[in-house]
Amino acid sequence: IDIANTLYDPIRYYNNTMWTDLQPLLTATVTLWQALILIPYYGRLLALNTWEGTTGATYTGAVNFFARCRFSQIGDPTDQTNGWRSDVFGRGGFIDAPTNEAIVSAAFFRNTLIVFFEYSTWQLRYVGEYGLPFIWERISSDFGAVSPYSSIVFDQGVMTVSDRGIIQAAANGVT
């Protein structure tokens, strides 16, 4: 997706008085401009399917990292100077899923984040390592999701709409 030719939709938060754009530095010269999904997980804020680019070029120079999970430091994710920095150990970081598909949807099931891609389903599992606290594990290589807002959590798994039907995913498989 070319963000320069699409409507810019910044990440925003409310600080009890006004709405503020969250455009944190990822390195000394790169900024996180946009993400499809934001979700808290183990004290961090995760940004899935991100648009990142050179700080001076503004959002018009951003590149879509469609299979990326970018995470903030533990604590305050609104620290725009250091809270997401992947070049400062222990602050923030990222992990790319080993697939050429885009992240479409995500939902929690029993403390595990189930992430639906276009044609596959993965779990983003917390492992607790200080520098790289999450890992990707494939649940299904056959079923994904087609809508960012189609995930519904049930007792036995997360249900979503796939290109092949209605599916339900849990950490151990997809039906």
N, C-alpha and C. Protein backbone atom coordinates (compact mmCIF):
# COMPACT_ATOMS: atom_id res chain seq x y z
N ILE A 1 0.85 -1.17 0.00
CA ILE A 1 0.00 0.00 0.00
C ILE A 1 0.89 1.23 0.00
N ASP A 2 0.65 2.13 -0.89
CA ASP A 2 1.40 3.37 -0.99
C ASP A 2 0.69 4.43 -0.16
N ILE A 3 1.25 4.74 1.00
CA ILE A 3 0.59 5.68 1.91
C ILE A 3 0.51 7.09 1.31
N ALA A 4 1.39 7.42 0.38
CA ALA A 4 1.33 8.74 -0.23
C ALA A 4 0.08 8.91 -1.08
N ASN A 5 -0.48 7.81 -1.56
CA ASN A 5 -1.67 7.89 -2.39
C ASN A 5 -2.94 7.44 -1.66
N THR A 6 -2.86 7.27 -0.37
CA THR A 6 -4.03 6.91 0.43
C THR A 6 -4.24 7.97 1.50
N LEU A 7 -5.38 7.93 2.12
CA LEU A 7 -5.70 8.88 3.17
C LEU A 7 -4.84 8.60 4.40
N TYR A 8 -4.15 9.61 4.89
CA TYR A 8 -3.31 9.45 6.08
C TYR A 8 -4.20 9.41 7.32
N ASP A 9 -4.03 8.38 8.12
CA ASP A 9 -4.82 8.17 9.33
C ASP A 9 -3.87 7.95 10.49
N PRO A 10 -3.43 9.01 11.17
CA PRO A 10 -2.40 8.87 12.20
C PRO A 10 -2.92 8.13 13.44
N ILE A 11 -1.99 7.59 14.19
CA ILE A 11 -2.29 7.00 15.49
C ILE A 11 -2.55 8.16 16.44
N ARG A 12 -3.65 8.10 17.18
CA ARG A 12 -3.99 9.20 18.08
C ARG A 12 -4.37 8.66 19.46
N TYR A 13 -4.14 9.48 20.48
CA TYR A 13 -4.58 9.15 21.84
C TYR A 13 -5.09 10.42 22.51
N TYR A 14 -5.93 10.21 23.51
CA TYR A 14 -6.53 11.32 24.25
C TYR A 14 -5.84 11.42 25.60
N ASN A 15 -5.32 12.58 25.97
CA ASN A 15 -4.58 12.76 27.22
C ASN A 15 -5.36 13.55 28.28
N ASN A 16 -6.67 13.38 28.30
CA ASN A 16 -7.59 14.04 29.23
C ASN A 16 -7.88 15.50 28.91
N THR A 17 -7.18 16.08 27.96
CA THR A 17 -7.48 17.45 27.56
C THR A 17 -7.61 17.60 26.05
N MET A 18 -6.85 16.81 25.29
CA MET A 18 -6.88 16.96 23.84
C MET A 18 -6.39 15.68 23.15
N TRP A 19 -6.72 15.55 21.86
CA TRP A 19 -6.22 14.46 21.05
C TRP A 19 -4.81 14.80 20.58
N THR A 20 -3.92 13.80 20.66
CA THR A 20 -2.52 13.99 20.27
C THR A 20 -2.13 12.90 19.28
N ASP A 21 -1.43 13.28 18.21
CA ASP A 21 -0.91 12.28 17.27
C ASP A 21 0.27 11.57 17.90
N LEU A 22 0.27 10.24 17.82
CA LEU A 22 1.39 9.44 18.28
C LEU A 22 2.25 9.13 17.06
N GLN A 23 3.39 9.79 16.97
CA GLN A 23 4.33 9.60 15.87
C GLN A 23 5.72 9.39 16.48
N PRO A 24 5.92 8.22 17.11
CA PRO A 24 7.16 8.00 17.86
C PRO A 24 8.35 7.73 16.96
N LEU A 25 9.52 8.11 17.45
CA LEU A 25 10.77 7.78 16.77
C LEU A 25 11.05 6.30 16.94
N LEU A 26 11.48 5.65 15.86
CA LEU A 26 11.87 4.24 15.89
C LEU A 26 13.38 4.10 15.93
N THR A 27 14.05 5.04 15.29
CA THR A 27 15.50 5.21 15.36
C THR A 27 15.71 6.72 15.39
N ALA A 28 16.96 7.15 15.27
CA ALA A 28 17.23 8.59 15.28
C ALA A 28 16.59 9.30 14.09
N THR A 29 16.33 8.57 12.99
CA THR A 29 15.84 9.23 11.77
C THR A 29 14.56 8.62 11.20
N VAL A 30 14.00 7.59 11.84
CA VAL A 30 12.81 6.90 11.31
C VAL A 30 11.66 7.04 12.31
N THR A 31 10.45 7.28 11.78
CA THR A 31 9.25 7.49 12.59
C THR A 31 8.18 6.46 12.23
N LEU A 32 7.40 6.06 13.23
CA LEU A 32 6.21 5.24 13.01
C LEU A 32 5.07 6.21 12.70
N TRP A 33 4.53 6.12 11.49
CA TRP A 33 3.49 7.05 11.06
C TRP A 33 2.08 6.49 11.21
N GLN A 34 1.93 5.19 11.01
CA GLN A 34 0.58 4.64 10.97
C GLN A 34 0.66 3.13 11.22
N ALA A 35 -0.44 2.53 11.67
CA ALA A 35 -0.54 1.08 11.86
C ALA A 35 -1.99 0.65 11.65
N LEU A 36 -2.17 -0.54 11.15
CA LEU A 36 -3.52 -1.06 10.96
C LEU A 36 -4.16 -1.40 12.30
N ILE A 37 -3.37 -2.01 13.20
CA ILE A 37 -3.89 -2.49 14.48
C ILE A 37 -2.97 -2.04 15.60
N LEU A 38 -3.54 -1.52 16.68
CA LEU A 38 -2.82 -1.23 17.93
C LEU A 38 -3.47 -2.06 19.02
N ILE A 39 -2.63 -2.74 19.81
CA ILE A 39 -3.19 -3.61 20.84
C ILE A 39 -2.19 -3.73 22.00
N PRO A 40 -2.65 -3.60 23.24
CA PRO A 40 -1.73 -3.76 24.38
C PRO A 40 -1.48 -5.23 24.67
N TYR A 41 -0.24 -5.55 25.07
CA TYR A 41 0.13 -6.94 25.34
C TYR A 41 1.33 -6.96 26.28
N TYR A 42 1.14 -7.52 27.46
CA TYR A 42 2.18 -7.65 28.48
C TYR A 42 2.90 -6.33 28.76
N GLY A 43 2.14 -5.29 28.99
CA GLY A 43 2.71 -4.00 29.39
C GLY A 43 3.28 -3.18 28.25
N ARG A 44 3.17 -3.68 27.04
CA ARG A 44 3.66 -2.96 25.86
C ARG A 44 2.49 -2.66 24.93
N LEU A 45 2.69 -1.71 24.04
CA LEU A 45 1.71 -1.45 22.99
C LEU A 45 2.29 -2.01 21.70
N LEU A 46 1.49 -2.83 21.01
CA LEU A 46 1.93 -3.42 19.75
C LEU A 46 1.26 -2.70 18.59
N ALA A 47 2.03 -2.45 17.56
CA ALA A 47 1.52 -1.89 16.31
C ALA A 47 1.74 -2.95 15.23
N LEU A 48 0.64 -3.40 14.61
CA LEU A 48 0.72 -4.44 13.59
C LEU A 48 0.42 -3.84 12.22
N ASN A 49 1.15 -4.31 11.20
CA ASN A 49 1.00 -3.82 9.83
C ASN A 49 1.27 -2.31 9.82
N THR A 50 2.54 -1.95 9.89
CA THR A 50 2.94 -0.57 10.13
C THR A 50 3.36 0.17 8.86
N TRP A 51 3.34 1.49 8.96
CA TRP A 51 3.89 2.38 7.94
C TRP A 51 4.98 3.19 8.64
N GLU A 52 6.21 3.02 8.20
CA GLU A 52 7.36 3.66 8.82
C GLU A 52 8.15 4.41 7.75
N GLY A 53 8.77 5.51 8.16
CA GLY A 53 9.55 6.26 7.18
C GLY A 53 10.43 7.30 7.81
N THR A 54 11.23 7.92 6.98
CA THR A 54 12.16 8.95 7.41
C THR A 54 11.40 10.10 8.07
N THR A 55 11.89 10.52 9.21
CA THR A 55 11.21 11.55 10.00
C THR A 55 11.06 12.85 9.21
N GLY A 56 12.10 13.28 8.53
CA GLY A 56 12.06 14.55 7.79
C GLY A 56 11.16 14.52 6.57
N ALA A 57 10.89 13.33 6.03
CA ALA A 57 10.07 13.23 4.83
C ALA A 57 8.58 13.23 5.14
N THR A 58 8.20 13.24 6.39
CA THR A 58 6.82 13.13 6.87
C THR A 58 6.20 11.82 6.40
N TYR A 59 4.92 11.68 6.57
CA TYR A 59 4.24 10.42 6.26
C TYR A 59 4.24 10.10 4.77
N THR A 60 4.49 11.08 3.92
CA THR A 60 4.45 10.83 2.48
C THR A 60 5.56 9.90 2.02
N GLY A 61 6.62 9.78 2.78
CA GLY A 61 7.72 8.88 2.41
C GLY A 61 7.67 7.55 3.14
N ALA A 62 6.57 7.26 3.82
CA ALA A 62 6.48 6.04 4.62
C ALA A 62 6.35 4.79 3.75
N VAL A 63 6.87 3.68 4.27
CA VAL A 63 6.82 2.39 3.61
C VAL A 63 6.00 1.45 4.47
N ASN A 64 5.16 0.64 3.84
CA ASN A 64 4.32 -0.31 4.55
C ASN A 64 5.09 -1.59 4.84
N PHE A 65 5.21 -1.94 6.12
CA PHE A 65 5.76 -3.21 6.56
C PHE A 65 4.58 -4.06 6.99
N PHE A 66 3.99 -4.74 6.02
CA PHE A 66 2.69 -5.40 6.18
C PHE A 66 2.70 -6.62 7.07
N ALA A 67 3.85 -7.21 7.35
CA ALA A 67 3.92 -8.40 8.21
C ALA A 67 4.70 -8.11 9.49
N ARG A 68 4.75 -6.86 9.89
CA ARG A 68 5.57 -6.44 11.03
C ARG A 68 4.75 -6.22 12.29
N CYS A 69 5.33 -6.65 13.40
CA CYS A 69 4.85 -6.29 14.73
C CYS A 69 5.89 -5.37 15.33
N ARG A 70 5.53 -4.14 15.58
CA ARG A 70 6.41 -3.16 16.22
C ARG A 70 5.92 -3.02 17.65
N PHE A 71 6.80 -3.04 18.65
CA PHE A 71 6.38 -2.95 20.05
C PHE A 71 7.11 -1.84 20.78
N SER A 72 6.40 -1.26 21.77
CA SER A 72 6.95 -0.18 22.57
C SER A 72 7.68 -0.75 23.78
N GLN A 73 8.27 0.14 24.54
CA GLN A 73 8.88 -0.24 25.80
C GLN A 73 7.80 -0.62 26.80
N ILE A 74 8.17 -1.29 27.88
CA ILE A 74 7.23 -1.56 28.95
C ILE A 74 6.94 -0.23 29.63
N GLY A 75 5.66 0.05 29.86
CA GLY A 75 5.29 1.31 30.50
C GLY A 75 4.56 2.23 29.55
N ASP A 76 5.01 3.47 29.48
CA ASP A 76 4.32 4.52 28.75
C ASP A 76 4.65 4.49 27.25
N PRO A 77 3.69 4.07 26.40
CA PRO A 77 3.96 4.06 24.96
C PRO A 77 3.85 5.44 24.31
N THR A 78 3.42 6.45 25.07
CA THR A 78 3.30 7.79 24.50
C THR A 78 4.61 8.58 24.57
N ASP A 79 5.67 7.99 25.08
CA ASP A 79 7.00 8.61 25.06
C ASP A 79 7.49 8.57 23.61
N GLN A 80 7.29 9.67 22.89
CA GLN A 80 7.55 9.68 21.46
C GLN A 80 9.03 9.78 21.12
N THR A 81 9.86 10.12 22.09
CA THR A 81 11.29 10.25 21.83
C THR A 81 12.02 8.92 21.99
N ASN A 82 11.72 8.18 23.06
CA ASN A 82 12.46 6.95 23.34
C ASN A 82 11.61 5.70 23.52
N GLY A 83 10.29 5.83 23.61
CA GLY A 83 9.43 4.71 23.97
C GLY A 83 9.33 3.60 22.95
N TRP A 84 9.69 3.85 21.70
CA TRP A 84 9.58 2.85 20.63
C TRP A 84 10.91 2.58 19.95
N ARG A 85 12.01 3.15 20.43
CA ARG A 85 13.31 3.10 19.75
C ARG A 85 13.86 1.68 19.69
N SER A 86 14.08 1.18 18.48
CA SER A 86 14.66 -0.15 18.32
C SER A 86 16.19 -0.11 18.30
N ASP A 87 16.76 1.09 18.24
CA ASP A 87 18.21 1.22 18.28
C ASP A 87 18.73 1.48 19.70
N VAL A 88 17.83 1.50 20.67
CA VAL A 88 18.21 1.63 22.08
C VAL A 88 17.69 0.38 22.78
N PHE A 89 18.60 -0.48 23.24
CA PHE A 89 18.22 -1.77 23.81
C PHE A 89 17.27 -1.61 24.98
N GLY A 90 16.19 -2.40 24.97
CA GLY A 90 15.24 -2.40 26.06
C GLY A 90 14.11 -1.40 25.91
N ARG A 91 14.15 -0.57 24.89
CA ARG A 91 13.09 0.41 24.70
C ARG A 91 11.96 -0.17 23.86
N GLY A 92 12.19 -0.33 22.60
CA GLY A 92 11.18 -0.89 21.70
C GLY A 92 11.86 -1.81 20.72
N GLY A 93 11.10 -2.28 19.76
CA GLY A 93 11.69 -3.16 18.76
C GLY A 93 10.63 -3.63 17.79
N PHE A 94 11.01 -4.63 17.00
CA PHE A 94 10.06 -5.18 16.03
C PHE A 94 10.44 -6.62 15.73
N ILE A 95 9.44 -7.34 15.22
CA ILE A 95 9.66 -8.69 14.73
C ILE A 95 8.74 -8.88 13.53
N ASP A 96 9.35 -9.27 12.41
CA ASP A 96 8.60 -9.50 11.19
C ASP A 96 8.20 -10.97 11.11
N ALA A 97 6.97 -11.22 10.72
CA ALA A 97 6.51 -12.59 10.50
C ALA A 97 7.17 -13.12 9.23
N PRO A 98 7.58 -14.38 9.23
CA PRO A 98 8.23 -14.95 8.04
C PRO A 98 7.23 -15.35 6.96
N THR A 99 6.51 -14.38 6.44
CA THR A 99 5.53 -14.61 5.39
C THR A 99 5.45 -13.38 4.50
N ASN A 100 4.96 -13.56 3.29
CA ASN A 100 4.76 -12.45 2.36
C ASN A 100 3.32 -11.97 2.34
N GLU A 101 2.57 -12.29 3.37
CA GLU A 101 1.17 -11.88 3.47
C GLU A 101 1.05 -10.70 4.43
N ALA A 102 -0.02 -9.95 4.27
CA ALA A 102 -0.28 -8.80 5.14
C ALA A 102 -1.11 -9.20 6.35
N ILE A 103 -0.83 -8.58 7.48
CA ILE A 103 -1.65 -8.74 8.68
C ILE A 103 -3.00 -8.09 8.42
N VAL A 104 -4.07 -8.82 8.74
CA VAL A 104 -5.42 -8.32 8.48
C VAL A 104 -6.17 -8.06 9.78
N SER A 105 -6.04 -8.96 10.76
CA SER A 105 -6.84 -8.86 11.97
C SER A 105 -6.11 -9.52 13.12
N ALA A 106 -6.52 -9.22 14.35
CA ALA A 106 -5.91 -9.83 15.53
C ALA A 106 -6.89 -9.81 16.69
N ALA A 107 -6.79 -10.82 17.55
CA ALA A 107 -7.63 -10.89 18.75
C ALA A 107 -6.95 -11.80 19.76
N PHE A 108 -7.24 -11.56 21.03
CA PHE A 108 -6.69 -12.41 22.08
C PHE A 108 -7.57 -13.62 22.32
N PHE A 109 -6.92 -14.76 22.56
CA PHE A 109 -7.61 -15.96 23.02
C PHE A 109 -6.74 -16.60 24.08
N ARG A 110 -7.25 -16.63 25.31
CA ARG A 110 -6.54 -17.22 26.45
C ARG A 110 -5.09 -16.73 26.56
N ASN A 111 -4.93 -15.43 26.59
CA ASN A 111 -3.65 -14.78 26.81
C ASN A 111 -2.66 -14.94 25.66
N THR A 112 -3.13 -15.38 24.52
CA THR A 112 -2.30 -15.48 23.32
C THR A 112 -2.91 -14.60 22.25
N LEU A 113 -2.08 -13.86 21.56
CA LEU A 113 -2.57 -13.00 20.49
C LEU A 113 -2.61 -13.81 19.20
N ILE A 114 -3.82 -14.03 18.69
CA ILE A 114 -4.01 -14.72 17.42
C ILE A 114 -4.03 -13.65 16.34
N VAL A 115 -3.15 -13.79 15.35
CA VAL A 115 -3.02 -12.79 14.28
C VAL A 115 -3.38 -13.45 12.96
N PHE A 116 -4.36 -12.88 12.31
CA PHE A 116 -4.81 -13.39 11.01
C PHE A 116 -4.15 -12.60 9.90
N PHE A 117 -3.53 -13.31 8.98
CA PHE A 117 -2.96 -12.73 7.78
C PHE A 117 -3.94 -12.98 6.64
N GLU A 118 -3.56 -12.64 5.44
CA GLU A 118 -4.46 -12.82 4.30
C GLU A 118 -4.84 -14.29 4.08
N TYR A 119 -3.87 -15.19 4.16
CA TYR A 119 -4.14 -16.60 3.86
C TYR A 119 -3.59 -17.55 4.91
N SER A 120 -3.17 -17.05 6.05
CA SER A 120 -2.65 -17.91 7.11
C SER A 120 -2.96 -17.30 8.46
N THR A 121 -2.79 -18.12 9.51
CA THR A 121 -3.06 -17.68 10.88
C THR A 121 -1.82 -17.97 11.72
N TRP A 122 -1.45 -17.02 12.55
CA TRP A 122 -0.26 -17.12 13.40
C TRP A 122 -0.64 -16.73 14.82
N GLN A 123 0.20 -17.14 15.76
CA GLN A 123 0.09 -16.60 17.11
C GLN A 123 1.35 -15.81 17.41
N LEU A 124 1.18 -14.69 18.08
CA LEU A 124 2.31 -13.90 18.55
C LEU A 124 2.42 -14.22 20.02
N ARG A 125 3.43 -15.03 20.35
CA ARG A 125 3.54 -15.55 21.71
C ARG A 125 4.57 -14.75 22.50
N TYR A 126 4.20 -14.42 23.73
CA TYR A 126 5.10 -13.71 24.63
C TYR A 126 6.07 -14.71 25.23
N VAL A 127 7.39 -14.44 25.12
CA VAL A 127 8.41 -15.34 25.67
C VAL A 127 9.20 -14.68 26.80
N GLY A 128 9.02 -13.37 27.00
CA GLY A 128 9.62 -12.72 28.15
C GLY A 128 11.07 -12.29 28.01
N GLU A 129 11.69 -12.48 26.86
CA GLU A 129 13.06 -12.02 26.68
C GLU A 129 13.07 -10.50 26.64
N TYR A 130 14.04 -9.89 27.28
CA TYR A 130 14.07 -8.44 27.41
C TYR A 130 14.21 -7.73 26.07
N GLY A 131 15.10 -8.19 25.20
CA GLY A 131 15.33 -7.52 23.93
C GLY A 131 14.33 -7.90 22.84
N LEU A 132 13.86 -9.16 22.85
CA LEU A 132 12.89 -9.62 21.86
C LEU A 132 11.83 -10.45 22.58
N PRO A 133 10.80 -9.78 23.12
CA PRO A 133 9.85 -10.45 24.01
C PRO A 133 8.79 -11.31 23.33
N PHE A 134 8.71 -11.29 21.99
CA PHE A 134 7.66 -12.02 21.28
C PHE A 134 8.26 -12.87 20.17
N ILE A 135 7.55 -13.96 19.83
CA ILE A 135 7.93 -14.76 18.67
C ILE A 135 6.68 -15.10 17.87
N TRP A 136 6.86 -15.30 16.58
CA TRP A 136 5.78 -15.72 15.70
C TRP A 136 5.74 -17.24 15.62
N GLU A 137 4.55 -17.83 15.71
CA GLU A 137 4.36 -19.27 15.51
C GLU A 137 3.16 -19.47 14.60
N ARG A 138 3.37 -20.23 13.52
CA ARG A 138 2.29 -20.47 12.56
C ARG A 138 1.29 -21.47 13.14
N ILE A 139 0.01 -21.14 13.05
CA ILE A 139 -1.07 -22.04 13.47
C ILE A 139 -1.64 -22.75 12.25
N SER A 140 -1.84 -22.01 11.16
CA SER A 140 -2.40 -22.59 9.95
C SER A 140 -1.82 -21.88 8.73
N SER A 141 -1.45 -22.66 7.74
CA SER A 141 -0.96 -22.07 6.49
C SER A 141 -2.04 -22.02 5.42
N ASP A 142 -3.27 -22.41 5.77
CA ASP A 142 -4.36 -22.49 4.80
C ASP A 142 -5.48 -21.47 5.00
N PHE A 143 -5.64 -20.96 6.21
CA PHE A 143 -6.79 -20.10 6.50
C PHE A 143 -6.33 -18.78 7.09
N GLY A 144 -6.86 -17.69 6.55
CA GLY A 144 -6.57 -16.36 7.05
C GLY A 144 -7.86 -15.59 7.26
N ALA A 145 -7.79 -14.28 7.10
CA ALA A 145 -8.97 -13.44 7.30
C ALA A 145 -9.05 -12.42 6.17
N VAL A 146 -10.26 -11.91 5.94
CA VAL A 146 -10.45 -10.92 4.89
C VAL A 146 -10.91 -9.57 5.43
N SER A 147 -11.18 -9.47 6.73
CA SER A 147 -11.68 -8.22 7.28
C SER A 147 -11.01 -7.90 8.61
N PRO A 148 -10.53 -6.65 8.78
CA PRO A 148 -9.90 -6.27 10.04
C PRO A 148 -10.84 -6.34 11.25
N TYR A 149 -12.13 -6.24 11.03
CA TYR A 149 -13.07 -6.17 12.14
C TYR A 149 -13.99 -7.39 12.22
N SER A 150 -13.57 -8.49 11.65
CA SER A 150 -14.43 -9.68 11.64
C SER A 150 -14.14 -10.65 12.77
N SER A 151 -13.11 -10.43 13.57
CA SER A 151 -12.74 -11.38 14.63
C SER A 151 -13.67 -11.26 15.83
N ILE A 152 -14.17 -12.43 16.27
CA ILE A 152 -15.05 -12.51 17.44
C ILE A 152 -14.51 -13.60 18.35
N VAL A 153 -14.33 -13.27 19.64
CA VAL A 153 -13.78 -14.23 20.59
C VAL A 153 -14.90 -15.06 21.21
N PHE A 154 -14.73 -16.38 21.18
CA PHE A 154 -15.65 -17.33 21.80
C PHE A 154 -14.89 -18.19 22.80
N ASP A 155 -15.58 -19.09 23.49
CA ASP A 155 -14.94 -19.96 24.49
C ASP A 155 -13.88 -20.89 23.90
N GLN A 156 -14.09 -21.34 22.67
CA GLN A 156 -13.20 -22.32 22.07
C GLN A 156 -12.18 -21.71 21.10
N GLY A 157 -12.26 -20.42 20.82
CA GLY A 157 -11.32 -19.80 19.89
C GLY A 157 -11.82 -18.47 19.38
N VAL A 158 -11.10 -17.95 18.40
CA VAL A 158 -11.43 -16.68 17.76
C VAL A 158 -12.02 -16.99 16.39
N MET A 159 -13.23 -16.52 16.15
CA MET A 159 -13.89 -16.75 14.88
C MET A 159 -13.70 -15.54 13.98
N THR A 160 -13.51 -15.81 12.69
CA THR A 160 -13.35 -14.74 11.72
C THR A 160 -13.85 -15.20 10.36
N VAL A 161 -13.95 -14.26 9.44
CA VAL A 161 -14.36 -14.57 8.08
C VAL A 161 -13.11 -14.72 7.23
N SER A 162 -12.99 -15.88 6.60
CA SER A 162 -11.86 -16.19 5.74
C SER A 162 -12.29 -16.15 4.28
N ASP A 163 -11.34 -16.21 3.37
CA ASP A 163 -11.69 -16.30 1.95
C ASP A 163 -12.27 -17.68 1.61
N ARG A 164 -12.17 -18.63 2.53
CA ARG A 164 -12.68 -19.98 2.31
C ARG A 164 -13.88 -20.33 3.18
N GLY A 165 -14.32 -19.40 3.99
CA GLY A 165 -15.47 -19.66 4.86
C GLY A 165 -15.31 -18.99 6.20
N ILE A 166 -16.08 -19.42 7.16
CA ILE A 166 -15.98 -18.90 8.52
C ILE A 166 -15.11 -19.87 9.30
N ILE A 167 -14.06 -19.36 9.94
CA ILE A 167 -13.10 -20.22 10.63
C ILE A 167 -13.03 -19.85 12.09
N GLN A 168 -12.48 -20.77 12.88
CA GLN A 168 -12.24 -20.53 14.29
C GLN A 168 -10.82 -20.96 14.62
N ALA A 169 -10.04 -20.07 15.25
CA ALA A 169 -8.65 -20.34 15.54
C ALA A 169 -8.38 -20.32 17.03
N ALA A 170 -7.51 -21.22 17.44
CA ALA A 170 -6.97 -21.25 18.80
C ALA A 170 -5.47 -21.51 18.65
N ALA A 171 -4.74 -21.54 19.76
CA ALA A 171 -3.30 -21.71 19.70
C ALA A 171 -2.89 -23.04 19.09
N ASN A 172 -3.76 -24.04 19.12
CA ASN A 172 -3.39 -25.37 18.63
C ASN A 172 -3.95 -25.71 17.25
N GLY A 173 -4.68 -24.80 16.60
CA GLY A 173 -5.16 -25.11 15.27
C GLY A 173 -6.34 -24.24 14.84
N VAL A 174 -6.75 -24.47 13.59
CA VAL A 174 -7.86 -23.73 12.99
C VAL A 174 -8.88 -24.74 12.48
N THR A 175 -10.17 -24.47 12.74
CA THR A 175 -11.25 -25.32 12.21
C THR A 175 -12.19 -24.48 11.39
